């Protein structure tokens, strides 16, 4: 079936998104579902122009001043699906941190994050990024969290949103890890749609300085540090081109004034080529890590065992 040519751009992409969720039956389908109930939070406060919803998972034992991990779902997904179909709850149980899992409204077509509008791509501009930032602030207060240990991660559209949160609210996150996303600003549109086919296909490429300027322009006047960055992408991704991974590395190495010549390379698991960029910080962590999933497609964006490496990159210590 083909969509009519005159259909809106978001509908032109709907078939691809349906295919996406089928593939996103995901390589995570083999993971064990979590029986622990999520808590839906209705009174977290703050502007919510797009009617996002929030679910929180706090394990039975939460550390004093716990770390916060913001988990962002894929297109056609939800916070509940993120909880059930990834290993994050398992790590929350082990390490005592709190998981925040927002969802886009079911009325949105397609069910993707707004990483397209000028409002969402600007600090305090409105739309999804503003709403999610307020959810994080709620969790800080609710759990007396250590705000300096707040992290963000996401898959596909959630990977795009991860980079959007890092750019628009850099002072809120210590690090971010995205899977199969695109550089910040790549998916911007002017027609109100939630899909940018040119970007998805890898046809929006810029110099590192242009990419970095998009990040800096998201929060004018900000002079603080930016979150450390980790990106994962399948080299044969059929929906979100691997080119976007290369462009993301260009963007964030420039933001961190780090060389794109690797500082270290390793293959922790067959076909996961892990490249480290920049210098070690005071706590022995690299600024940027890029992982090429050799031969991987979009459906394998998040595989069993990957979250372990993200947790290590975030530096969430046991019992802290």
C-alpha atoms as a PDB file:
ATOM      1  CA  UNK A   1       0.000   0.000   0.000  1.00  0.00           C
ATOM      2  CA  UNK A   2       1.289   3.491  -0.864  1.00  0.00           C
ATOM      3  CA  UNK A   3       0.291   6.776   0.673  1.00  0.00           C
ATOM      4  CA  UNK A   4      -1.126   9.409  -1.659  1.00  0.00           C
ATOM      5  CA  UNK A   5       1.447  11.930  -2.726  1.00  0.00           C
ATOM      6  CA  UNK A   6      -0.497  14.878  -1.382  1.00  0.00           C
ATOM      7  CA  UNK A   7      -0.789  13.394   2.124  1.00  0.00           C
ATOM      8  CA  UNK A   8       0.934  15.313   4.971  1.00  0.00           C
ATOM      9  CA  UNK A   9       4.563  14.457   5.544  1.00  0.00           C
ATOM     10  CA  UNK A  10       3.840  12.830   8.903  1.00  0.00           C
ATOM     11  CA  UNK A  11       1.409  10.464   7.172  1.00  0.00           C
ATOM     12  CA  UNK A  12       3.916   9.735   4.442  1.00  0.00           C
ATOM     13  CA  UNK A  13       6.080   8.355   7.181  1.00  0.00           C
ATOM     14  CA  UNK A  14       3.347   6.444   8.977  1.00  0.00           C
ATOM     15  CA  UNK A  15       3.952   3.252   7.018  1.00  0.00           C
ATOM     16  CA  UNK A  16       7.608   3.396   7.925  1.00  0.00           C
ATOM     17  CA  UNK A  17       6.666   3.919  11.540  1.00  0.00           C
ATOM     18  CA  UNK A  18       4.326   0.929  11.486  1.00  0.00           C
ATOM     19  CA  UNK A  19       7.191  -1.097  10.102  1.00  0.00           C
ATOM     20  CA  UNK A  20       9.340   0.367  12.864  1.00  0.00           C
ATOM     21  CA  UNK A  21       7.127  -0.843  15.680  1.00  0.00           C
ATOM     22  CA  UNK A  22       6.960  -4.289  14.102  1.00  0.00           C
ATOM     23  CA  UNK A  23      10.740  -4.410  14.009  1.00  0.00           C
ATOM     24  CA  UNK A  24      10.660  -2.871  17.439  1.00  0.00           C
ATOM     25  CA  UNK A  25       8.971  -5.973  18.629  1.00  0.00           C
ATOM     26  CA  UNK A  26      12.569  -5.249  18.882  1.00  0.00           C
ATOM     27  CA  UNK A  27      15.564  -7.278  19.744  1.00  0.00           C
ATOM     28  CA  UNK A  28      14.380  -6.652  23.273  1.00  0.00           C
ATOM     29  CA  UNK A  29      11.507  -9.094  22.900  1.00  0.00           C
ATOM     30  CA  UNK A  30      13.655 -11.747  24.553  1.00  0.00           C
ATOM     31  CA  UNK A  31      14.000  -9.743  27.747  1.00  0.00           C
ATOM     32  CA  UNK A  32      12.037 -10.669  30.839  1.00  0.00           C
ATOM     33  CA  UNK A  33       8.974  -8.496  31.476  1.00  0.00           C
ATOM     34  CA  UNK A  34       8.895  -6.744  34.821  1.00  0.00           C
ATOM     35  CA  UNK A  35       5.953  -7.544  37.040  1.00  0.00           C
ATOM     36  CA  UNK A  36       6.554  -4.620  39.423  1.00  0.00           C
ATOM     37  CA  UNK A  37       3.910  -1.964  38.860  1.00  0.00           C
ATOM     38  CA  UNK A  38       4.757   1.438  37.546  1.00  0.00           C
ATOM     39  CA  UNK A  39       3.344   4.469  39.229  1.00  0.00           C
ATOM     40  CA  UNK A  40       1.469   6.895  37.032  1.00  0.00           C
ATOM     41  CA  UNK A  41       1.976  10.443  38.264  1.00  0.00           C
ATOM     42  CA  UNK A  42      -0.727  12.989  37.487  1.00  0.00           C
ATOM     43  CA  UNK A  43       0.272  15.828  39.777  1.00  0.00           C
ATOM     44  CA  UNK A  44       3.887  16.486  38.862  1.00  0.00           C
ATOM     45  CA  UNK A  45       3.144  20.140  38.038  1.00  0.00           C
ATOM     46  CA  UNK A  46       4.512  22.527  35.465  1.00  0.00           C
ATOM     47  CA  UNK A  47       3.281  23.433  31.971  1.00  0.00           C
ATOM     48  CA  UNK A  48       2.215  20.468  29.867  1.00  0.00           C
ATOM     49  CA  UNK A  49       1.096  21.942  26.526  1.00  0.00           C
ATOM     50  CA  UNK A  50       1.028  18.599  24.715  1.00  0.00           C
ATOM     51  CA  UNK A  51      -0.586  16.448  27.439  1.00  0.00           C
ATOM     52  CA  UNK A  52       2.339  14.106  27.998  1.00  0.00           C
ATOM     53  CA  UNK A  53       1.965  11.462  30.697  1.00  0.00           C
ATOM     54  CA  UNK A  54       4.506  10.268  33.248  1.00  0.00           C
ATOM     55  CA  UNK A  55       5.249   6.908  34.812  1.00  0.00           C
ATOM     56  CA  UNK A  56       7.896   6.446  37.487  1.00  0.00           C
ATOM     57  CA  UNK A  57       9.596   3.296  38.702  1.00  0.00           C
ATOM     58  CA  UNK A  58      11.219   3.458  42.115  1.00  0.00           C
ATOM     59  CA  UNK A  59      12.644   0.087  43.212  1.00  0.00           C
ATOM     60  CA  UNK A  60      11.859  -1.343  46.630  1.00  0.00           C
ATOM     61  CA  UNK A  61      15.153   0.031  47.928  1.00  0.00           C
ATOM     62  CA  UNK A  62      15.959   3.535  46.692  1.00  0.00           C
ATOM     63  CA  UNK A  63      19.308   5.036  47.566  1.00  0.00           C
ATOM     64  CA  UNK A  64      19.567   8.185  49.602  1.00  0.00           C
ATOM     65  CA  UNK A  65      19.730  11.071  47.129  1.00  0.00           C
ATOM     66  CA  UNK A  66      19.326   8.661  44.212  1.00  0.00           C
ATOM     67  CA  UNK A  67      20.397   9.124  40.635  1.00  0.00           C
ATOM     68  CA  UNK A  68      17.590   9.799  38.161  1.00  0.00           C
ATOM     69  CA  UNK A  69      17.447   8.155  34.729  1.00  0.00           C
ATOM     70  CA  UNK A  70      15.042   9.577  32.171  1.00  0.00           C
ATOM     71  CA  UNK A  71      14.004   6.894  29.647  1.00  0.00           C
ATOM     72  CA  UNK A  72      12.457   7.999  26.345  1.00  0.00           C
ATOM     73  CA  UNK A  73      10.475   5.589  24.210  1.00  0.00           C
ATOM     74  CA  UNK A  74      10.538   4.981  20.467  1.00  0.00           C
ATOM     75  CA  UNK A  75       7.865   6.015  17.962  1.00  0.00           C
ATOM     76  CA  UNK A  76       4.569   4.207  18.664  1.00  0.00           C
ATOM     77  CA  UNK A  77       6.009   3.210  22.038  1.00  0.00           C
ATOM     78  CA  UNK A  78       5.237   4.415  25.551  1.00  0.00           C
ATOM     79  CA  UNK A  79       6.817   4.770  28.944  1.00  0.00           C
ATOM     80  CA  UNK A  80       5.244   1.466  29.938  1.00  0.00           C
ATOM     81  CA  UNK A  81       6.751  -0.252  26.894  1.00  0.00           C
ATOM     82  CA  UNK A  82      10.159   1.222  27.693  1.00  0.00           C
ATOM     83  CA  UNK A  83       9.873  -0.235  31.189  1.00  0.00           C
ATOM     84  CA  UNK A  84       8.761  -3.673  30.025  1.00  0.00           C
ATOM     85  CA  UNK A  85      11.015  -4.092  26.997  1.00  0.00           C
ATOM     86  CA  UNK A  86      14.399  -2.888  28.234  1.00  0.00           C
ATOM     87  CA  UNK A  87      16.765  -3.900  31.025  1.00  0.00           C
ATOM     88  CA  UNK A  88      16.570  -0.554  32.824  1.00  0.00           C
ATOM     89  CA  UNK A  89      14.304  -1.761  35.642  1.00  0.00           C
ATOM     90  CA  UNK A  90      16.741  -4.574  36.370  1.00  0.00           C
ATOM     91  CA  UNK A  91      19.545  -2.058  36.808  1.00  0.00           C
ATOM     92  CA  UNK A  92      17.367   0.258  38.891  1.00  0.00           C
ATOM     93  CA  UNK A  93      16.695  -2.654  41.246  1.00  0.00           C
ATOM     94  CA  UNK A  94      20.397  -3.417  41.496  1.00  0.00           C
ATOM     95  CA  UNK A  95      21.711   0.126  41.864  1.00  0.00           C
ATOM     96  CA  UNK A  96      18.829   1.903  43.616  1.00  0.00           C
ATOM     97  CA  UNK A  97      18.160   4.699  41.142  1.00  0.00           C
ATOM     98  CA  UNK A  98      14.786   6.051  39.975  1.00  0.00           C
ATOM     99  CA  UNK A  99      13.433   5.682  36.435  1.00  0.00           C
ATOM    100  CA  UNK A 100      11.282   8.369  34.807  1.00  0.00           C
ATOM    101  CA  UNK A 101       9.383   7.233  31.704  1.00  0.00           C
ATOM    102  CA  UNK A 102       7.163   9.821  30.022  1.00  0.00           C
ATOM    103  CA  UNK A 103       4.881   9.097  27.056  1.00  0.00           C
ATOM    104  CA  UNK A 104       3.559  11.163  24.193  1.00  0.00           C
ATOM    105  CA  UNK A 105      -0.256  11.405  23.980  1.00  0.00           C
ATOM    106  CA  UNK A 106      -2.062   8.579  22.201  1.00  0.00           C
ATOM    107  CA  UNK A 107      -3.819  11.161  20.029  1.00  0.00           C
ATOM    108  CA  UNK A 108      -0.548  12.209  18.375  1.00  0.00           C
ATOM    109  CA  UNK A 109      -0.003  11.032  14.805  1.00  0.00           C
ATOM    110  CA  UNK A 110       2.609   9.671  14.572  1.00  0.00           C
ATOM    111  CA  UNK A 111       3.372   8.713  18.172  1.00  0.00           C
ATOM    112  CA  UNK A 112       6.810  10.314  18.182  1.00  0.00           C
ATOM    113  CA  UNK A 113       8.537  12.938  20.276  1.00  0.00           C
ATOM    114  CA  UNK A 114       8.519  16.528  19.132  1.00  0.00           C
ATOM    115  CA  UNK A 115      12.115  16.990  18.036  1.00  0.00           C
ATOM    116  CA  UNK A 116      10.909  19.053  15.095  1.00  0.00           C
ATOM    117  CA  UNK A 117       9.260  22.290  16.215  1.00  0.00           C
ATOM    118  CA  UNK A 118      11.080  25.510  17.048  1.00  0.00           C
ATOM    119  CA  UNK A 119       9.362  25.470  20.447  1.00  0.00           C
ATOM    120  CA  UNK A 120      10.734  22.078  21.439  1.00  0.00           C
ATOM    121  CA  UNK A 121      14.209  22.872  20.106  1.00  0.00           C
ATOM    122  CA  UNK A 122      14.618  25.913  22.359  1.00  0.00           C
ATOM    123  CA  UNK A 123      15.250  26.211  26.087  1.00  0.00           C
ATOM    124  CA  UNK A 124      11.936  27.009  27.801  1.00  0.00           C
ATOM    125  CA  UNK A 125      10.389  27.315  24.350  1.00  0.00           C
ATOM    126  CA  UNK A 126       7.505  24.984  25.074  1.00  0.00           C
ATOM    127  CA  UNK A 127       6.312  21.638  23.704  1.00  0.00           C
ATOM    128  CA  UNK A 128       7.800  18.281  24.741  1.00  0.00           C
ATOM    129  CA  UNK A 129      11.233  19.331  25.982  1.00  0.00           C
ATOM    130  CA  UNK A 130       9.768  21.863  28.403  1.00  0.00           C
ATOM    131  CA  UNK A 131       7.273  19.359  29.767  1.00  0.00           C
ATOM    132  CA  UNK A 132       9.895  16.654  30.264  1.00  0.00           C
ATOM    133  CA  UNK A 133      12.233  19.082  32.024  1.00  0.00           C
ATOM    134  CA  UNK A 134       9.463  19.800  34.533  1.00  0.00           C
ATOM    135  CA  UNK A 135       8.978  16.078  35.110  1.00  0.00           C
ATOM    136  CA  UNK A 136      12.664  15.800  35.996  1.00  0.00           C
ATOM    137  CA  UNK A 137      12.368  18.692  38.442  1.00  0.00           C
ATOM    138  CA  UNK A 138       9.427  16.947  40.075  1.00  0.00           C
ATOM    139  CA  UNK A 139      11.536  13.816  40.568  1.00  0.00           C
ATOM    140  CA  UNK A 140      14.394  15.820  42.055  1.00  0.00           C
ATOM    141  CA  UNK A 141      12.063  17.175  44.721  1.00  0.00           C
ATOM    142  CA  UNK A 142      10.082  13.972  45.254  1.00  0.00           C
ATOM    143  CA  UNK A 143      13.128  11.765  45.853  1.00  0.00           C
ATOM    144  CA  UNK A 144      15.544  14.400  47.239  1.00  0.00           C
ATOM    145  CA  UNK A 145      17.741  13.416  44.332  1.00  0.00           C
ATOM    146  CA  UNK A 146      21.293  14.455  43.667  1.00  0.00           C
ATOM    147  CA  UNK A 147      20.589  16.621  40.619  1.00  0.00           C
ATOM    148  CA  UNK A 148      24.178  16.271  39.443  1.00  0.00           C
ATOM    149  CA  UNK A 149      23.478  12.586  38.786  1.00  0.00           C
ATOM    150  CA  UNK A 150      20.631  12.937  36.317  1.00  0.00           C
ATOM    151  CA  UNK A 151      20.889  11.054  33.036  1.00  0.00           C
ATOM    152  CA  UNK A 152      18.862  10.633  29.867  1.00  0.00           C
ATOM    153  CA  UNK A 153      18.595   7.776  27.390  1.00  0.00           C
ATOM    154  CA  UNK A 154      16.284   6.851  24.531  1.00  0.00           C
ATOM    155  CA  UNK A 155      15.730   4.712  21.476  1.00  0.00           C
ATOM    156  CA  UNK A 156      14.981   5.895  17.913  1.00  0.00           C
ATOM    157  CA  UNK A 157      12.635   8.880  18.350  1.00  0.00           C
ATOM    158  CA  UNK A 158      13.617   8.675  22.013  1.00  0.00           C
ATOM    159  CA  UNK A 159      17.261   8.817  20.928  1.00  0.00           C
ATOM    160  CA  UNK A 160      16.488  12.021  19.051  1.00  0.00           C
ATOM    161  CA  UNK A 161      14.711  13.359  22.127  1.00  0.00           C
ATOM    162  CA  UNK A 162      17.727  12.410  24.245  1.00  0.00           C
ATOM    163  CA  UNK A 163      19.893  14.764  22.228  1.00  0.00           C
ATOM    164  CA  UNK A 164      17.144  17.410  22.320  1.00  0.00           C
ATOM    165  CA  UNK A 165      17.098  17.319  26.129  1.00  0.00           C
ATOM    166  CA  UNK A 166      20.889  17.478  26.261  1.00  0.00           C
ATOM    167  CA  UNK A 167      20.899  20.580  24.043  1.00  0.00           C
ATOM    168  CA  UNK A 168      17.911  22.486  25.453  1.00  0.00           C
ATOM    169  CA  UNK A 169      18.507  21.674  29.146  1.00  0.00           C
ATOM    170  CA  UNK A 170      22.248  20.940  29.363  1.00  0.00           C
ATOM    171  CA  UNK A 171      22.395  22.070  32.973  1.00  0.00           C
ATOM    172  CA  UNK A 172      19.998  19.295  34.010  1.00  0.00           C
ATOM    173  CA  UNK A 173      21.886  16.244  32.746  1.00  0.00           C
ATOM    174  CA  UNK A 174      25.307  14.827  33.488  1.00  0.00           C
ATOM    175  CA  UNK A 175      25.303  12.499  30.485  1.00  0.00           C
ATOM    176  CA  UNK A 176      23.059  11.121  27.760  1.00  0.00           C
ATOM    177  CA  UNK A 177      23.043   7.883  25.788  1.00  0.00           C
ATOM    178  CA  UNK A 178      21.057   7.572  22.591  1.00  0.00           C
ATOM    179  CA  UNK A 179      20.290   4.615  20.359  1.00  0.00           C
ATOM    180  CA  UNK A 180      19.559   5.042  16.636  1.00  0.00           C
ATOM    181  CA  UNK A 181      18.827   8.748  16.857  1.00  0.00           C
ATOM    182  CA  UNK A 182      19.927  11.825  14.919  1.00  0.00           C
ATOM    183  CA  UNK A 183      21.951  14.949  15.774  1.00  0.00           C
ATOM    184  CA  UNK A 184      20.178  17.736  17.581  1.00  0.00           C
ATOM    185  CA  UNK A 185      18.360  19.964  15.098  1.00  0.00           C
ATOM    186  CA  UNK A 186      18.496  17.470  12.233  1.00  0.00           C
ATOM    187  CA  UNK A 187      14.784  16.619  12.445  1.00  0.00           C
ATOM    188  CA  UNK A 188      13.552  20.218  12.592  1.00  0.00           C
ATOM    189  CA  UNK A 189      10.558  20.955  10.357  1.00  0.00           C
ATOM    190  CA  UNK A 190       8.493  24.027   9.531  1.00  0.00           C
ATOM    191  CA  UNK A 191       5.239  22.369   8.465  1.00  0.00           C
ATOM    192  CA  UNK A 192       4.130  21.067  11.854  1.00  0.00           C
ATOM    193  CA  UNK A 193       4.987  17.446  11.082  1.00  0.00           C
ATOM    194  CA  UNK A 194       6.880  15.094  13.387  1.00  0.00           C
ATOM    195  CA  UNK A 195       9.008  13.485  10.697  1.00  0.00           C
ATOM    196  CA  UNK A 196      11.902  14.701   8.541  1.00  0.00           C
ATOM    197  CA  UNK A 197      12.587  12.189   5.805  1.00  0.00           C
ATOM    198  CA  UNK A 198      15.661  14.000   4.520  1.00  0.00           C
ATOM    199  CA  UNK A 199      17.306  13.728   7.920  1.00  0.00           C
ATOM    200  CA  UNK A 200      16.171  10.132   8.461  1.00  0.00           C
ATOM    201  CA  UNK A 201      17.824   9.112   5.194  1.00  0.00           C
ATOM    202  CA  UNK A 202      21.101  10.779   6.144  1.00  0.00           C
ATOM    203  CA  UNK A 203      20.812  13.637   3.672  1.00  0.00           C
ATOM    204  CA  UNK A 204      21.345  16.442   6.190  1.00  0.00           C
ATOM    205  CA  UNK A 205      25.064  16.746   6.812  1.00  0.00           C
ATOM    206  CA  UNK A 206      26.959  19.779   8.081  1.00  0.00           C
ATOM    207  CA  UNK A 207      30.354  20.713   9.394  1.00  0.00           C
ATOM    208  CA  UNK A 208      30.997  20.066  13.061  1.00  0.00           C
ATOM    209  CA  UNK A 209      30.915  23.798  13.764  1.00  0.00           C
ATOM    210  CA  UNK A 210      27.458  24.183  12.181  1.00  0.00           C
ATOM    211  CA  UNK A 211      26.137  21.235  14.173  1.00  0.00           C
ATOM    212  CA  UNK A 212      27.607  22.665  17.377  1.00  0.00           C
ATOM    213  CA  UNK A 213      26.047  26.044  16.714  1.00  0.00           C
ATOM    214  CA  UNK A 214      22.625  24.396  16.555  1.00  0.00           C
ATOM    215  CA  UNK A 215      23.211  23.100  20.074  1.00  0.00           C
ATOM    216  CA  UNK A 216      24.458  26.432  21.406  1.00  0.00           C
ATOM    217  CA  UNK A 217      21.564  28.317  19.811  1.00  0.00           C
ATOM    218  CA  UNK A 218      19.110  26.101  21.715  1.00  0.00           C
ATOM    219  CA  UNK A 219      20.029  27.828  24.984  1.00  0.00           C
ATOM    220  CA  UNK A 220      21.288  31.341  24.241  1.00  0.00           C
ATOM    221  CA  UNK A 221      23.600  32.718  26.879  1.00  0.00           C
ATOM    222  CA  UNK A 222      24.362  29.346  28.455  1.00  0.00           C
ATOM    223  CA  UNK A 223      28.035  29.127  29.432  1.00  0.00           C
ATOM    224  CA  UNK A 224      28.079  25.963  31.513  1.00  0.00           C
ATOM    225  CA  UNK A 225      29.217  22.483  30.630  1.00  0.00           C
ATOM    226  CA  UNK A 226      27.290  20.127  28.366  1.00  0.00           C
ATOM    227  CA  UNK A 227      26.404  16.516  29.136  1.00  0.00           C
ATOM    228  CA  UNK A 228      28.775  13.758  28.110  1.00  0.00           C
ATOM    229  CA  UNK A 229      27.501  11.849  25.082  1.00  0.00           C
ATOM    230  CA  UNK A 230      27.187   8.187  24.132  1.00  0.00           C
ATOM    231  CA  UNK A 231      25.713   7.062  20.812  1.00  0.00           C
ATOM    232  CA  UNK A 232      24.849   3.598  19.458  1.00  0.00           C
ATOM    233  CA  UNK A 233      23.818   2.887  15.860  1.00  0.00           C
ATOM    234  CA  UNK A 234      23.519  -0.057  13.497  1.00  0.00           C
ATOM    235  CA  UNK A 235      25.640   0.315  10.381  1.00  0.00           C
ATOM    236  CA  UNK A 236      22.819  -1.134   8.259  1.00  0.00           C
ATOM    237  CA  UNK A 237      19.967   0.793   9.881  1.00  0.00           C
ATOM    238  CA  UNK A 238      17.248   0.932   7.227  1.00  0.00           C
ATOM    239  CA  UNK A 239      15.070   3.593   8.886  1.00  0.00           C
ATOM    240  CA  UNK A 240      17.485   6.073  10.469  1.00  0.00           C
ATOM    241  CA  UNK A 241      20.652   6.202   8.388  1.00  0.00           C
ATOM    242  CA  UNK A 242      23.982   5.395  10.050  1.00  0.00           C
ATOM    243  CA  UNK A 243      25.156   8.735   8.620  1.00  0.00           C
ATOM    244  CA  UNK A 244      23.254  10.368  11.485  1.00  0.00           C
ATOM    245  CA  UNK A 245      25.504   8.605  13.974  1.00  0.00           C
ATOM    246  CA  UNK A 246      28.577  10.065  12.265  1.00  0.00           C
ATOM    247  CA  UNK A 247      26.991  13.525  12.295  1.00  0.00           C
ATOM    248  CA  UNK A 248      26.123  13.194  16.003  1.00  0.00           C
ATOM    249  CA  UNK A 249      29.743  12.390  16.815  1.00  0.00           C
ATOM    250  CA  UNK A 250      30.781  15.495  14.867  1.00  0.00           C
ATOM    251  CA  UNK A 251      28.284  17.598  16.820  1.00  0.00           C
ATOM    252  CA  UNK A 252      29.182  16.491  20.324  1.00  0.00           C
ATOM    253  CA  UNK A 253      32.945  16.275  19.856  1.00  0.00           C
ATOM    254  CA  UNK A 254      32.800  19.899  18.702  1.00  0.00           C
ATOM    255  CA  UNK A 255      30.676  20.892  21.698  1.00  0.00           C
ATOM    256  CA  UNK A 256      33.231  19.272  24.002  1.00  0.00           C
ATOM    257  CA  UNK A 257      36.214  20.574  22.035  1.00  0.00           C
ATOM    258  CA  UNK A 258      37.347  16.981  21.629  1.00  0.00           C
ATOM    259  CA  UNK A 259      39.291  15.505  18.760  1.00  0.00           C
ATOM    260  CA  UNK A 260      37.460  13.153  16.415  1.00  0.00           C
ATOM    261  CA  UNK A 261      40.574  11.026  16.381  1.00  0.00           C
ATOM    262  CA  UNK A 262      39.810   8.169  18.711  1.00  0.00           C
ATOM    263  CA  UNK A 263      41.445   8.063  22.110  1.00  0.00           C
ATOM    264  CA  UNK A 264      40.768   4.344  22.487  1.00  0.00           C
ATOM    265  CA  UNK A 265      39.014   1.574  20.570  1.00  0.00           C
ATOM    266  CA  UNK A 266      37.669  -1.742  21.731  1.00  0.00           C
ATOM    267  CA  UNK A 267      35.184  -4.453  20.793  1.00  0.00           C
ATOM    268  CA  UNK A 268      33.513  -5.507  24.060  1.00  0.00           C
ATOM    269  CA  UNK A 269      31.077  -7.772  22.221  1.00  0.00           C
ATOM    270  CA  UNK A 270      31.349  -9.151  18.700  1.00  0.00           C
ATOM    271  CA  UNK A 271      30.243  -6.488  16.170  1.00  0.00           C
ATOM    272  CA  UNK A 272      30.029  -3.705  18.784  1.00  0.00           C
ATOM    273  CA  UNK A 273      32.852  -1.366  17.795  1.00  0.00           C
ATOM    274  CA  UNK A 274      33.302   1.072  20.681  1.00  0.00           C
ATOM    275  CA  UNK A 275      35.288   4.259  20.089  1.00  0.00           C
ATOM    276  CA  UNK A 276      36.269   6.718  22.839  1.00  0.00           C
ATOM    277  CA  UNK A 277      36.809  10.422  22.153  1.00  0.00           C
ATOM    278  CA  UNK A 278      38.348  13.219  24.180  1.00  0.00           C
ATOM    279  CA  UNK A 279      40.240  13.182  27.440  1.00  0.00           C
ATOM    280  CA  UNK A 280      39.307  11.496  30.675  1.00  0.00           C
ATOM    281  CA  UNK A 281      37.564  13.755  33.158  1.00  0.00           C
ATOM    282  CA  UNK A 282      38.389  14.043  36.848  1.00  0.00           C
ATOM    283  CA  UNK A 283      36.463  10.850  37.643  1.00  0.00           C
ATOM    284  CA  UNK A 284      38.085   8.833  34.854  1.00  0.00           C
ATOM    285  CA  UNK A 285      35.207   9.023  32.385  1.00  0.00           C
ATOM    286  CA  UNK A 286      35.425   9.770  28.679  1.00  0.00           C
ATOM    287  CA  UNK A 287      33.479  12.704  27.286  1.00  0.00           C
ATOM    288  CA  UNK A 288      32.151  10.836  24.265  1.00  0.00           C
ATOM    289  CA  UNK A 289      31.743   7.194  23.293  1.00  0.00           C
ATOM    290  CA  UNK A 290      30.402   6.024  19.948  1.00  0.00           C
ATOM    291  CA  UNK A 291      29.370   2.427  19.334  1.00  0.00           C
ATOM    292  CA  UNK A 292      28.911   1.137  15.794  1.00  0.00           C
ATOM    293  CA  UNK A 293      26.777  -1.998  15.735  1.00  0.00           C
ATOM    294  CA  UNK A 294      28.351  -3.636  12.681  1.00  0.00           C
ATOM    295  CA  UNK A 295      25.665  -5.158  10.457  1.00  0.00           C
ATOM    296  CA  UNK A 296      22.940  -3.980  12.822  1.00  0.00           C
ATOM    297  CA  UNK A 297      19.555  -2.743  11.637  1.00  0.00           C
ATOM    298  CA  UNK A 298      17.009  -0.482  13.302  1.00  0.00           C
ATOM    299  CA  UNK A 299      15.197  -3.319  15.019  1.00  0.00           C
ATOM    300  CA  UNK A 300      18.409  -4.222  16.822  1.00  0.00           C
ATOM    301  CA  UNK A 301      18.918  -0.706  18.122  1.00  0.00           C
ATOM    302  CA  UNK A 302      18.858  -1.905  21.729  1.00  0.00           C
ATOM    303  CA  UNK A 303      20.030  -5.421  22.443  1.00  0.00           C
ATOM    304  CA  UNK A 304      20.374  -7.412  25.612  1.00  0.00           C
ATOM    305  CA  UNK A 305      23.523  -6.414  27.468  1.00  0.00           C
ATOM    306  CA  UNK A 306      23.844  -2.897  26.061  1.00  0.00           C
ATOM    307  CA  UNK A 307      22.342  -1.142  29.083  1.00  0.00           C
ATOM    308  CA  UNK A 308      25.246  -2.394  31.202  1.00  0.00           C
ATOM    309  CA  UNK A 309      27.644  -0.282  29.145  1.00  0.00           C
ATOM    310  CA  UNK A 310      25.378   2.747  29.404  1.00  0.00           C
ATOM    311  CA  UNK A 311      25.196   2.402  33.188  1.00  0.00           C
ATOM    312  CA  UNK A 312      29.001   2.238  33.281  1.00  0.00           C
ATOM    313  CA  UNK A 313      29.234   5.309  31.031  1.00  0.00           C
ATOM    314  CA  UNK A 314      26.826   7.198  33.276  1.00  0.00           C
ATOM    315  CA  UNK A 315      28.962   6.244  36.251  1.00  0.00           C
ATOM    316  CA  UNK A 316      26.085   5.275  38.537  1.00  0.00           C
ATOM    317  CA  UNK A 317      27.880   3.654  41.472  1.00  0.00           C
ATOM    318  CA  UNK A 318      26.500   0.769  43.463  1.00  0.00           C
ATOM    319  CA  UNK A 319      25.045   1.822  46.799  1.00  0.00           C
ATOM    320  CA  UNK A 320      25.560   5.546  46.264  1.00  0.00           C
END
